[in-house]
Amino acid sequence: MLNRTRGHAALGHHFILALRSPAVAGRLLTYLGLLYEALLARKLIKPGEPLPVVLPVVVYSGVPRWNAALNVCDLIGAVPQGLRRFLPQLQYLLVDEGALVESGKLPMNNLAALLFQLEHNRGLHDVEDLIQKVYNYTKADPLVRRAFATWTRHVLLPRSLPDVDMPQIDNLLEIKNMLAEHSRSWTHQWKMEGLAEGRKEGRKEGQAAILRRLLAHKFGPLPDAVSQRLKNATSAQLEAWSLAVLDANSLEEVFSD
């Protein structure tokens, strides 16, 4: 069971987390110790029984790729060779949604994969197609279908269309039809978010990184020639391509300057 949460949750003997701190491995070690203490204090583990196996999971939905330490021992500075075997060891399972989407290797007909793709969508038409797929794959489970509709209505759409007053609908097909009425607002908002993030990073390398992610979101994995072109581009070129990317239907149209 995968619990997407900002904090942590103990579900029986399953302990699943989704945190974003650079020192997340250290926090996980603390939470794991507290979980074991709680299980022992509540006598949920009988005398002589081993401690249960715990799989720490970090689900990350941000745009920049995750670069925090995956093991708590990597947070510790230089250690003499003789002390290395005494370092604490705790590694978590990272689910970097954006990286999985960009890889193009997510499984087909999988609701978790569709959720990741919705969060890292390539624009309005991509969202409409993904919503239709979710609707088709949840025919046998109306509760899951309703959960997707509620998440789309209250999380995805307000984030993508913050200035649009959404109608009170929680039906996936009705949401899909409603999106066609706000296509221009969706495109404008996505463009402004990309430009704002590029300005925040400041340097040419930051501009190129943002544009690379935008291109990958819209057109899939990028050819080596495109990556090299982004690397060698000027700031003015990167800005022009960033403005062109959301209105283009192909990579060729983006770079037709």
C-alpha atoms as a PDB file:
ATOM      1  CA  MET A   1       0.000   0.000   0.000  1.00  0.00           C
ATOM      2  CA  LEU A   2       1.400   3.426  -0.939  1.00  0.00           C
ATOM      3  CA  ASN A   3       0.408   6.351   1.236  1.00  0.00           C
ATOM      4  CA  ARG A   4       1.131   9.755  -0.342  1.00  0.00           C
ATOM      5  CA  THR A   5       1.459  12.110   2.605  1.00  0.00           C
ATOM      6  CA  ARG A   6       3.463  15.091   3.757  1.00  0.00           C
ATOM      7  CA  GLY A   7       4.255  13.459   7.060  1.00  0.00           C
ATOM      8  CA  HIS A   8       4.294   9.818   8.010  1.00  0.00           C
ATOM      9  CA  ALA A   9       1.863   7.074   8.794  1.00  0.00           C
ATOM     10  CA  ALA A  10       2.093   3.745  10.575  1.00  0.00           C
ATOM     11  CA  LEU A  11      -0.246   1.238   8.964  1.00  0.00           C
ATOM     12  CA  GLY A  12       0.054  -1.988  10.905  1.00  0.00           C
ATOM     13  CA  HIS A  13       3.697  -2.908  10.423  1.00  0.00           C
ATOM     14  CA  HIS A  14       4.035  -0.801   7.281  1.00  0.00           C
ATOM     15  CA  PHE A  15       5.645   2.601   7.662  1.00  0.00           C
ATOM     16  CA  ILE A  16       5.549   4.776   4.549  1.00  0.00           C
ATOM     17  CA  LEU A  17       6.798   8.340   4.145  1.00  0.00           C
ATOM     18  CA  ALA A  18       6.860  11.036   1.503  1.00  0.00           C
ATOM     19  CA  LEU A  19       9.210  13.850   2.522  1.00  0.00           C
ATOM     20  CA  ARG A  20      11.222  16.489   0.668  1.00  0.00           C
ATOM     21  CA  SER A  21      13.916  17.609   3.111  1.00  0.00           C
ATOM     22  CA  PRO A  22      17.558  17.281   1.908  1.00  0.00           C
ATOM     23  CA  ALA A  23      18.226  15.452   5.190  1.00  0.00           C
ATOM     24  CA  VAL A  24      15.241  13.150   4.716  1.00  0.00           C
ATOM     25  CA  ALA A  25      17.359  10.041   5.399  1.00  0.00           C
ATOM     26  CA  GLY A  26      18.150  11.352   8.884  1.00  0.00           C
ATOM     27  CA  ARG A  27      14.486  12.069   9.576  1.00  0.00           C
ATOM     28  CA  LEU A  28      13.559   8.594   8.409  1.00  0.00           C
ATOM     29  CA  LEU A  29      16.051   7.075  10.839  1.00  0.00           C
ATOM     30  CA  THR A  30      14.420   9.045  13.672  1.00  0.00           C
ATOM     31  CA  TYR A  31      10.902   8.015  12.646  1.00  0.00           C
ATOM     32  CA  LEU A  32      11.941   4.384  12.310  1.00  0.00           C
ATOM     33  CA  GLY A  33      13.366   4.372  15.830  1.00  0.00           C
ATOM     34  CA  LEU A  34      10.187   5.969  17.179  1.00  0.00           C
ATOM     35  CA  LEU A  35       8.046   3.425  15.368  1.00  0.00           C
ATOM     36  CA  TYR A  36       9.963   0.503  16.865  1.00  0.00           C
ATOM     37  CA  GLU A  37       9.735   2.089  20.316  1.00  0.00           C
ATOM     38  CA  ALA A  38       5.971   2.523  19.940  1.00  0.00           C
ATOM     39  CA  LEU A  39       5.485  -1.084  18.827  1.00  0.00           C
ATOM     40  CA  LEU A  40       7.470  -2.333  21.816  1.00  0.00           C
ATOM     41  CA  ALA A  41       5.741   0.005  24.288  1.00  0.00           C
ATOM     42  CA  ARG A  42       2.302  -1.111  23.068  1.00  0.00           C
ATOM     43  CA  LYS A  43       3.449  -4.743  23.287  1.00  0.00           C
ATOM     44  CA  LEU A  44       2.596  -5.364  19.642  1.00  0.00           C
ATOM     45  CA  ILE A  45       5.828  -7.355  19.419  1.00  0.00           C
ATOM     46  CA  LYS A  46       5.983 -10.357  21.706  1.00  0.00           C
ATOM     47  CA  PRO A  47       9.106 -11.062  23.785  1.00  0.00           C
ATOM     48  CA  GLY A  48      11.708 -12.832  21.677  1.00  0.00           C
ATOM     49  CA  GLU A  49      10.107 -11.833  18.379  1.00  0.00           C
ATOM     50  CA  PRO A  50      12.260  -9.933  15.887  1.00  0.00           C
ATOM     51  CA  LEU A  51      11.422  -6.384  14.895  1.00  0.00           C
ATOM     52  CA  PRO A  52       9.308  -6.111  11.729  1.00  0.00           C
ATOM     53  CA  VAL A  53      10.833  -5.161   8.403  1.00  0.00           C
ATOM     54  CA  VAL A  54      10.085  -1.544   7.473  1.00  0.00           C
ATOM     55  CA  LEU A  55      10.328  -0.166   3.957  1.00  0.00           C
ATOM     56  CA  PRO A  56      10.726   3.638   3.968  1.00  0.00           C
ATOM     57  CA  VAL A  57       9.349   5.154   0.739  1.00  0.00           C
ATOM     58  CA  VAL A  58       9.774   8.739  -0.425  1.00  0.00           C
ATOM     59  CA  VAL A  59       7.339   9.814  -3.156  1.00  0.00           C
ATOM     60  CA  TYR A  60       8.552  13.020  -4.812  1.00  0.00           C
ATOM     61  CA  SER A  61       6.425  14.989  -7.283  1.00  0.00           C
ATOM     62  CA  GLY A  62       8.575  18.102  -7.748  1.00  0.00           C
ATOM     63  CA  VAL A  63       9.992  19.296 -11.063  1.00  0.00           C
ATOM     64  CA  PRO A  64      13.752  19.458 -10.271  1.00  0.00           C
ATOM     65  CA  ARG A  65      15.223  15.993 -10.008  1.00  0.00           C
ATOM     66  CA  TRP A  66      15.713  14.619  -6.495  1.00  0.00           C
ATOM     67  CA  ASN A  67      19.319  14.915  -5.329  1.00  0.00           C
ATOM     68  CA  ALA A  68      19.169  14.306  -1.563  1.00  0.00           C
ATOM     69  CA  ALA A  69      21.210  11.515   0.049  1.00  0.00           C
ATOM     70  CA  LEU A  70      19.545   8.113  -0.222  1.00  0.00           C
ATOM     71  CA  ASN A  71      21.286   6.645   2.852  1.00  0.00           C
ATOM     72  CA  VAL A  72      21.687   8.254   6.256  1.00  0.00           C
ATOM     73  CA  CYS A  73      25.387   7.352   6.305  1.00  0.00           C
ATOM     74  CA  ASP A  74      25.915   9.685   3.321  1.00  0.00           C
ATOM     75  CA  LEU A  75      24.902  12.637   5.515  1.00  0.00           C
ATOM     76  CA  ILE A  76      27.871  12.079   7.824  1.00  0.00           C
ATOM     77  CA  GLY A  77      31.195  13.774   7.141  1.00  0.00           C
ATOM     78  CA  ALA A  78      34.664  12.246   6.877  1.00  0.00           C
ATOM     79  CA  VAL A  79      35.032   9.207   9.133  1.00  0.00           C
ATOM     80  CA  PRO A  80      38.215   7.298  10.003  1.00  0.00           C
ATOM     81  CA  GLN A  81      38.399   3.944   8.260  1.00  0.00           C
ATOM     82  CA  GLY A  82      38.186   2.022  11.538  1.00  0.00           C
ATOM     83  CA  LEU A  83      34.860   3.648  12.439  1.00  0.00           C
ATOM     84  CA  ARG A  84      33.062   3.179   9.114  1.00  0.00           C
ATOM     85  CA  ARG A  85      31.451  -0.101  10.148  1.00  0.00           C
ATOM     86  CA  PHE A  86      29.744   1.665  13.057  1.00  0.00           C
ATOM     87  CA  LEU A  87      27.947   4.232  10.893  1.00  0.00           C
ATOM     88  CA  PRO A  88      24.123   4.065  10.934  1.00  0.00           C
ATOM     89  CA  GLN A  89      22.670   2.526   7.770  1.00  0.00           C
ATOM     90  CA  LEU A  90      19.174   3.287   6.502  1.00  0.00           C
ATOM     91  CA  GLN A  91      18.314   3.595   2.829  1.00  0.00           C
ATOM     92  CA  TYR A  92      14.880   4.574   1.537  1.00  0.00           C
ATOM     93  CA  LEU A  93      13.104   3.735  -1.700  1.00  0.00           C
ATOM     94  CA  LEU A  94      12.812   6.856  -3.838  1.00  0.00           C
ATOM     95  CA  VAL A  95       9.872   7.262  -6.228  1.00  0.00           C
ATOM     96  CA  ASP A  96      10.770  10.337  -8.297  1.00  0.00           C
ATOM     97  CA  GLU A  97       7.624  10.765 -10.365  1.00  0.00           C
ATOM     98  CA  GLY A  98       9.102  13.257 -12.839  1.00  0.00           C
ATOM     99  CA  ALA A  99      12.128  11.068 -13.558  1.00  0.00           C
ATOM    100  CA  LEU A 100       9.897   8.046 -14.160  1.00  0.00           C
ATOM    101  CA  VAL A 101       7.670  10.017 -16.531  1.00  0.00           C
ATOM    102  CA  GLU A 102      10.649  11.427 -18.452  1.00  0.00           C
ATOM    103  CA  SER A 103      12.177   7.951 -18.810  1.00  0.00           C
ATOM    104  CA  GLY A 104       9.158   6.771 -20.817  1.00  0.00           C
ATOM    105  CA  LYS A 105       9.367   3.414 -19.024  1.00  0.00           C
ATOM    106  CA  LEU A 106       6.232   3.566 -16.877  1.00  0.00           C
ATOM    107  CA  PRO A 107       3.956   0.510 -17.276  1.00  0.00           C
ATOM    108  CA  MET A 108       0.828   0.744 -19.395  1.00  0.00           C
ATOM    109  CA  ASN A 109      -2.662   0.379 -17.924  1.00  0.00           C
ATOM    110  CA  ASN A 110      -1.358   1.267 -14.455  1.00  0.00           C
ATOM    111  CA  LEU A 111      -3.230   3.764 -12.291  1.00  0.00           C
ATOM    112  CA  ALA A 112      -0.141   4.877 -10.365  1.00  0.00           C
ATOM    113  CA  ALA A 113       1.621   5.563 -13.676  1.00  0.00           C
ATOM    114  CA  LEU A 114      -1.389   7.577 -14.873  1.00  0.00           C
ATOM    115  CA  LEU A 115      -1.354   9.609 -11.653  1.00  0.00           C
ATOM    116  CA  PHE A 116       2.343  10.413 -12.135  1.00  0.00           C
ATOM    117  CA  GLN A 117       1.714  11.403 -15.744  1.00  0.00           C
ATOM    118  CA  LEU A 118      -1.156  13.670 -14.726  1.00  0.00           C
ATOM    119  CA  GLU A 119       1.044  15.429 -12.190  1.00  0.00           C
ATOM    120  CA  HIS A 120       3.752  15.879 -14.846  1.00  0.00           C
ATOM    121  CA  ASN A 121       1.477  16.385 -17.824  1.00  0.00           C
ATOM    122  CA  ARG A 122       2.468  17.897 -21.173  1.00  0.00           C
ATOM    123  CA  GLY A 123      -0.478  20.237 -21.413  1.00  0.00           C
ATOM    124  CA  LEU A 124      -4.231  20.262 -21.743  1.00  0.00           C
ATOM    125  CA  HIS A 125      -4.636  17.629 -24.455  1.00  0.00           C
ATOM    126  CA  ASP A 126      -2.360  15.271 -22.555  1.00  0.00           C
ATOM    127  CA  VAL A 127      -4.526  15.707 -19.431  1.00  0.00           C
ATOM    128  CA  GLU A 128      -7.709  15.034 -21.391  1.00  0.00           C
ATOM    129  CA  ASP A 129      -6.245  11.826 -22.802  1.00  0.00           C
ATOM    130  CA  LEU A 130      -5.007  10.688 -19.376  1.00  0.00           C
ATOM    131  CA  ILE A 131      -8.378  11.384 -17.740  1.00  0.00           C
ATOM    132  CA  GLN A 132     -10.087   9.268 -20.409  1.00  0.00           C
ATOM    133  CA  LYS A 133      -7.655   6.426 -19.697  1.00  0.00           C
ATOM    134  CA  VAL A 134      -8.298   6.646 -15.960  1.00  0.00           C
ATOM    135  CA  TYR A 135     -12.041   6.557 -16.640  1.00  0.00           C
ATOM    136  CA  ASN A 136     -11.673   3.475 -18.842  1.00  0.00           C
ATOM    137  CA  TYR A 137      -9.439   1.609 -16.372  1.00  0.00           C
ATOM    138  CA  THR A 138     -11.684   2.262 -13.331  1.00  0.00           C
ATOM    139  CA  LYS A 139     -14.974   0.940 -14.661  1.00  0.00           C
ATOM    140  CA  ALA A 140     -14.883  -1.933 -12.189  1.00  0.00           C
ATOM    141  CA  ASP A 141     -14.025   0.291  -9.208  1.00  0.00           C
ATOM    142  CA  PRO A 142     -16.252   3.377  -8.864  1.00  0.00           C
ATOM    143  CA  LEU A 143     -14.583   4.329  -5.560  1.00  0.00           C
ATOM    144  CA  VAL A 144     -11.170   4.614  -7.208  1.00  0.00           C
ATOM    145  CA  ARG A 145     -12.735   6.514 -10.112  1.00  0.00           C
ATOM    146  CA  ARG A 146     -14.329   8.966  -7.711  1.00  0.00           C
ATOM    147  CA  ALA A 147     -11.034   9.361  -5.840  1.00  0.00           C
ATOM    148  CA  PHE A 148      -9.294  10.316  -9.093  1.00  0.00           C
ATOM    149  CA  ALA A 149     -12.085  12.764  -9.924  1.00  0.00           C
ATOM    150  CA  THR A 150     -11.882  14.390  -6.497  1.00  0.00           C
ATOM    151  CA  TRP A 151      -8.081  14.697  -6.711  1.00  0.00           C
ATOM    152  CA  THR A 152      -8.315  16.170 -10.226  1.00  0.00           C
ATOM    153  CA  ARG A 153     -11.003  18.643  -9.195  1.00  0.00           C
ATOM    154  CA  HIS A 154      -9.436  19.790  -5.912  1.00  0.00           C
ATOM    155  CA  VAL A 155      -5.674  19.392  -6.509  1.00  0.00           C
ATOM    156  CA  LEU A 156      -4.630  19.190 -10.163  1.00  0.00           C
ATOM    157  CA  LEU A 157      -6.979  21.795 -11.651  1.00  0.00           C
ATOM    158  CA  PRO A 158      -6.572  24.509  -8.978  1.00  0.00           C
ATOM    159  CA  ARG A 159      -2.802  24.164  -9.337  1.00  0.00           C
ATOM    160  CA  SER A 160      -2.911  24.440 -13.132  1.00  0.00           C
ATOM    161  CA  LEU A 161      -5.761  26.951 -13.417  1.00  0.00           C
ATOM    162  CA  PRO A 162      -5.626  29.007 -10.199  1.00  0.00           C
ATOM    163  CA  ASP A 163      -7.559  31.947 -11.651  1.00  0.00           C
ATOM    164  CA  VAL A 164     -10.432  29.880 -13.040  1.00  0.00           C
ATOM    165  CA  ASP A 165     -13.570  29.368 -10.950  1.00  0.00           C
ATOM    166  CA  MET A 166     -14.136  25.620 -11.230  1.00  0.00           C
ATOM    167  CA  PRO A 167     -17.686  24.239 -11.191  1.00  0.00           C
ATOM    168  CA  GLN A 168     -18.564  21.825  -8.407  1.00  0.00           C
ATOM    169  CA  ILE A 169     -18.292  18.612 -10.414  1.00  0.00           C
ATOM    170  CA  ASP A 170     -16.656  15.356  -9.400  1.00  0.00           C
ATOM    171  CA  ASN A 171     -17.259  13.287 -12.518  1.00  0.00           C
ATOM    172  CA  LEU A 172     -14.205  12.508 -14.644  1.00  0.00           C
ATOM    173  CA  LEU A 173     -15.944  12.840 -18.000  1.00  0.00           C
ATOM    174  CA  GLU A 174     -17.585  16.110 -17.002  1.00  0.00           C
ATOM    175  CA  ILE A 175     -14.191  17.414 -15.880  1.00  0.00           C
ATOM    176  CA  LYS A 176     -12.679  16.368 -19.201  1.00  0.00           C
ATOM    177  CA  ASN A 177     -15.382  18.221 -21.138  1.00  0.00           C
ATOM    178  CA  MET A 178     -14.988  21.283 -18.941  1.00  0.00           C
ATOM    179  CA  LEU A 179     -11.244  21.460 -19.641  1.00  0.00           C
ATOM    180  CA  ALA A 180     -11.848  22.233 -23.312  1.00  0.00           C
ATOM    181  CA  GLU A 181     -13.438  25.518 -22.236  1.00  0.00           C
ATOM    182  CA  HIS A 182     -10.272  26.605 -20.419  1.00  0.00           C
ATOM    183  CA  SER A 183      -7.558  25.489 -22.831  1.00  0.00           C
ATOM    184  CA  ARG A 184      -6.162  29.015 -23.298  1.00  0.00           C
ATOM    185  CA  SER A 185      -5.922  29.621 -19.535  1.00  0.00           C
ATOM    186  CA  TRP A 186      -4.193  26.271 -19.006  1.00  0.00           C
ATOM    187  CA  THR A 187      -1.561  26.991 -21.693  1.00  0.00           C
ATOM    188  CA  HIS A 188      -0.902  30.495 -20.349  1.00  0.00           C
ATOM    189  CA  GLN A 189      -0.514  29.283 -16.760  1.00  0.00           C
ATOM    190  CA  TRP A 190       1.881  26.474 -17.745  1.00  0.00           C
ATOM    191  CA  LYS A 191       3.982  28.922 -19.784  1.00  0.00           C
ATOM    192  CA  MET A 192       4.178  31.452 -16.937  1.00  0.00           C
ATOM    193  CA  GLU A 193       5.210  28.767 -14.441  1.00  0.00           C
ATOM    194  CA  GLY A 194       8.026  27.633 -16.718  1.00  0.00           C
ATOM    195  CA  LEU A 195       9.289  31.178 -17.267  1.00  0.00           C
ATOM    196  CA  ALA A 196       9.076  32.019 -13.568  1.00  0.00           C
ATOM    197  CA  GLU A 197      11.123  28.983 -12.609  1.00  0.00           C
ATOM    198  CA  GLY A 198      13.699  29.847 -15.253  1.00  0.00           C
ATOM    199  CA  ARG A 199      14.039  33.396 -13.908  1.00  0.00           C
ATOM    200  CA  LYS A 200      14.427  32.046 -10.386  1.00  0.00           C
ATOM    201  CA  GLU A 201      17.356  29.849 -11.378  1.00  0.00           C
ATOM    202  CA  GLY A 202      18.950  32.890 -13.005  1.00  0.00           C
ATOM    203  CA  ARG A 203      21.940  31.420 -14.799  1.00  0.00           C
ATOM    204  CA  LYS A 204      21.962  30.196 -18.393  1.00  0.00           C
ATOM    205  CA  GLU A 205      22.373  26.640 -17.098  1.00  0.00           C
ATOM    206  CA  GLY A 206      19.153  27.076 -15.136  1.00  0.00           C
ATOM    207  CA  GLN A 207      17.317  28.328 -18.221  1.00  0.00           C
ATOM    208  CA  ALA A 208      18.525  25.331 -20.202  1.00  0.00           C
ATOM    209  CA  ALA A 209      17.528  22.895 -17.449  1.00  0.00           C
ATOM    210  CA  ILE A 210      13.992  24.303 -17.242  1.00  0.00           C
ATOM    211  CA  LEU A 211      13.580  24.273 -21.020  1.00  0.00           C
ATOM    212  CA  ARG A 212      14.885  20.701 -21.214  1.00  0.00           C
ATOM    213  CA  ARG A 213      12.222  19.591 -18.715  1.00  0.00           C
ATOM    214  CA  LEU A 214       9.479  21.452 -20.559  1.00  0.00           C
ATOM    215  CA  LEU A 215      10.492  19.853 -23.858  1.00  0.00           C
ATOM    216  CA  ALA A 216      10.663  16.394 -22.299  1.00  0.00           C
ATOM    217  CA  HIS A 217       7.217  16.865 -20.720  1.00  0.00           C
ATOM    218  CA  LYS A 218       5.683  17.776 -24.063  1.00  0.00           C
ATOM    219  CA  PHE A 219       7.610  15.678 -26.598  1.00  0.00           C
ATOM    220  CA  GLY A 220       9.123  12.836 -24.553  1.00  0.00           C
ATOM    221  CA  PRO A 221      12.826  11.849 -24.303  1.00  0.00           C
ATOM    222  CA  LEU A 222      15.043  14.332 -26.153  1.00  0.00           C
ATOM    223  CA  PRO A 223      17.545  13.383 -28.899  1.00  0.00           C
ATOM    224  CA  ASP A 224      21.213  13.992 -28.114  1.00  0.00           C
ATOM    225  CA  ALA A 225      21.335  16.694 -30.792  1.00  0.00           C
ATOM    226  CA  VAL A 226      18.671  18.721 -28.970  1.00  0.00           C
ATOM    227  CA  SER A 227      20.452  18.369 -25.630  1.00  0.00           C
ATOM    228  CA  GLN A 228      23.666  19.588 -27.221  1.00  0.00           C
ATOM    229  CA  ARG A 229      21.864  22.518 -28.816  1.00  0.00           C
ATOM    230  CA  LEU A 230      20.462  23.570 -25.448  1.00  0.00           C
ATOM    231  CA  LYS A 231      23.912  23.304 -23.895  1.00  0.00           C
ATOM    232  CA  ASN A 232      25.468  25.612 -26.514  1.00  0.00           C
ATOM    233  CA  ALA A 233      22.586  28.127 -26.713  1.00  0.00           C
ATOM    234  CA  THR A 234      22.690  31.749 -25.618  1.00  0.00           C
ATOM    235  CA  SER A 235      20.347  33.134 -22.960  1.00  0.00           C
ATOM    236  CA  ALA A 236      18.374  34.944 -25.668  1.00  0.00           C
ATOM    237  CA  GLN A 237      17.896  31.716 -27.645  1.00  0.00           C
ATOM    238  CA  LEU A 238      16.812  29.818 -24.539  1.00  0.00           C
ATOM    239  CA  GLU A 239      14.255  32.501 -23.705  1.00  0.00           C
ATOM    240  CA  ALA A 240      12.865  32.484 -27.256  1.00  0.00           C
ATOM    241  CA  TRP A 241      12.559  28.687 -27.287  1.00  0.00           C
ATOM    242  CA  SER A 242      10.885  28.748 -23.846  1.00  0.00           C
ATOM    243  CA  LEU A 243       8.236  31.083 -25.240  1.00  0.00           C
ATOM    244  CA  ALA A 244       7.760  28.877 -28.296  1.00  0.00           C
ATOM    245  CA  VAL A 245       7.621  25.457 -26.643  1.00  0.00           C
ATOM    246  CA  LEU A 246       4.005  25.451 -25.473  1.00  0.00           C
ATOM    247  CA  ASP A 247       2.568  26.590 -28.800  1.00  0.00           C
ATOM    248  CA  ALA A 248       4.650  24.197 -30.895  1.00  0.00           C
ATOM    249  CA  ASN A 249       3.437  20.816 -32.107  1.00  0.00           C
ATOM    250  CA  SER A 250       6.934  19.367 -32.632  1.00  0.00           C
ATOM    251  CA  LEU A 251      10.542  19.884 -31.667  1.00  0.00           C
ATOM    252  CA  GLU A 252      11.201  21.234 -35.171  1.00  0.00           C
ATOM    253  CA  GLU A 253       8.689  24.047 -34.586  1.00  0.00           C
ATOM    254  CA  VAL A 254      10.349  25.007 -31.309  1.00  0.00           C
ATOM    255  CA  PHE A 255      13.725  25.505 -32.968  1.00  0.00           C
ATOM    256  CA  SER A 256      12.515  27.031 -36.237  1.00  0.00           C
ATOM    257  CA  ASP A 257      14.244  30.383 -35.728  1.00  0.00           C
END
